[in-house]
Protein backbone atom coordinates (compact mmCIF):
# COMPACT_ATOMS: atom_id res chain seq x y z
CA UNK A 1 12.69 -17.09 6.75
CA UNK A 2 12.85 -13.36 6.88
CA UNK A 3 11.41 -12.13 10.19
CA UNK A 4 9.48 -9.33 8.43
CA UNK A 5 7.56 -11.70 6.14
CA UNK A 6 4.74 -13.85 7.48
CA UNK A 7 2.85 -16.72 5.90
CA UNK A 8 -0.31 -17.59 7.80
CA UNK A 9 -3.21 -19.52 6.30
CA UNK A 10 -5.60 -17.24 8.21
CA UNK A 11 -4.22 -14.05 6.63
CA UNK A 12 -4.72 -13.24 2.94
CA UNK A 13 -5.29 -16.93 2.14
CA UNK A 14 -1.74 -17.82 3.14
CA UNK A 15 0.01 -15.42 0.79
CA UNK A 16 3.24 -13.91 2.12
CA UNK A 17 2.53 -10.58 3.80
CA UNK A 18 4.49 -8.02 5.74
CA UNK A 19 4.33 -9.25 9.34
CA UNK A 20 1.60 -7.58 11.37
CA UNK A 21 -0.18 -6.25 8.29
CA UNK A 22 -2.35 -7.53 5.48
CA UNK A 23 -0.01 -6.05 2.88
CA UNK A 24 0.98 -8.82 0.47
CA UNK A 25 4.57 -9.07 -0.69
CA UNK A 26 3.17 -9.53 -4.21
CA UNK A 27 1.50 -6.10 -4.05
CA UNK A 28 4.74 -4.38 -3.13
CA UNK A 29 6.64 -6.19 -5.88
CA UNK A 30 4.03 -5.29 -8.49
CA UNK A 31 4.03 -1.64 -7.43
CA UNK A 32 7.84 -1.55 -7.67
CA UNK A 33 7.68 -3.23 -11.10
CA UNK A 34 5.20 -0.56 -12.23
CA UNK A 35 7.72 2.14 -11.31
CA UNK A 36 6.82 3.03 -7.74
CA UNK A 37 9.72 3.92 -5.50
CA UNK A 38 10.26 2.72 -1.96
CA UNK A 39 9.33 6.25 -0.84
CA UNK A 40 6.04 5.97 -2.78
CA UNK A 41 5.22 2.72 -0.99
CA UNK A 42 6.07 4.17 2.42
CA UNK A 43 3.78 7.13 1.71
CA UNK A 44 0.94 4.91 0.48
CA UNK A 45 1.23 2.37 3.30
CA UNK A 46 2.12 4.18 6.55
CA UNK A 47 2.54 0.90 8.46
CA UNK A 48 5.48 -0.07 6.24
CA UNK A 49 9.08 0.51 7.26
CA UNK A 50 11.91 0.82 4.75
CA UNK A 51 13.15 -2.58 5.94
CA UNK A 52 9.82 -4.12 4.87
CA UNK A 53 10.39 -3.09 1.25
CA UNK A 54 13.87 -4.60 1.33
CA UNK A 55 12.46 -7.75 2.95
CA UNK A 56 9.89 -8.12 0.16
CA UNK A 57 12.62 -7.92 -2.47
CA UNK A 58 14.81 -10.33 -0.55
CA UNK A 59 11.92 -12.77 -0.15
CA UNK A 60 11.26 -12.68 -3.90
CA UNK A 61 14.94 -13.25 -4.70
CA UNK A 62 15.15 -16.16 -2.26
CA UNK A 63 11.98 -17.70 -3.68
CA UNK A 64 13.25 -17.49 -7.25
CA UNK A 65 16.65 -18.85 -6.22
CA UNK A 66 14.97 -22.03 -4.98
CA UNK A 67 12.79 -22.66 -8.04
CA UNK A 68 13.52 -25.63 -10.23
CA UNK A 69 14.56 -24.70 -13.74
CA UNK A 70 12.81 -26.66 -16.48
CA UNK A 71 14.66 -26.98 -19.73
C-alpha cells in the first residue's frame, strides 16, 4: 500500500487518511471533484504535501481497479 496512506481502526473509524493526519482520502477526492486544485488543498491543509494529493488519487485508482464489476 502507498506509504502516505494509512488505515487504522483507531483513526477516523478506519477510513483511509493521509499518514500522520486525520485528513481522510475521501475528503481530498471530494474537494478535487468539486473543482478544488491541488494548490487549494495545500493552502487549506498546511500539513499536506503535494505527494499526499497524488497519493490520494493513486489510492482511489488502485481501489477502483480492484473492484469486482457486476454485469
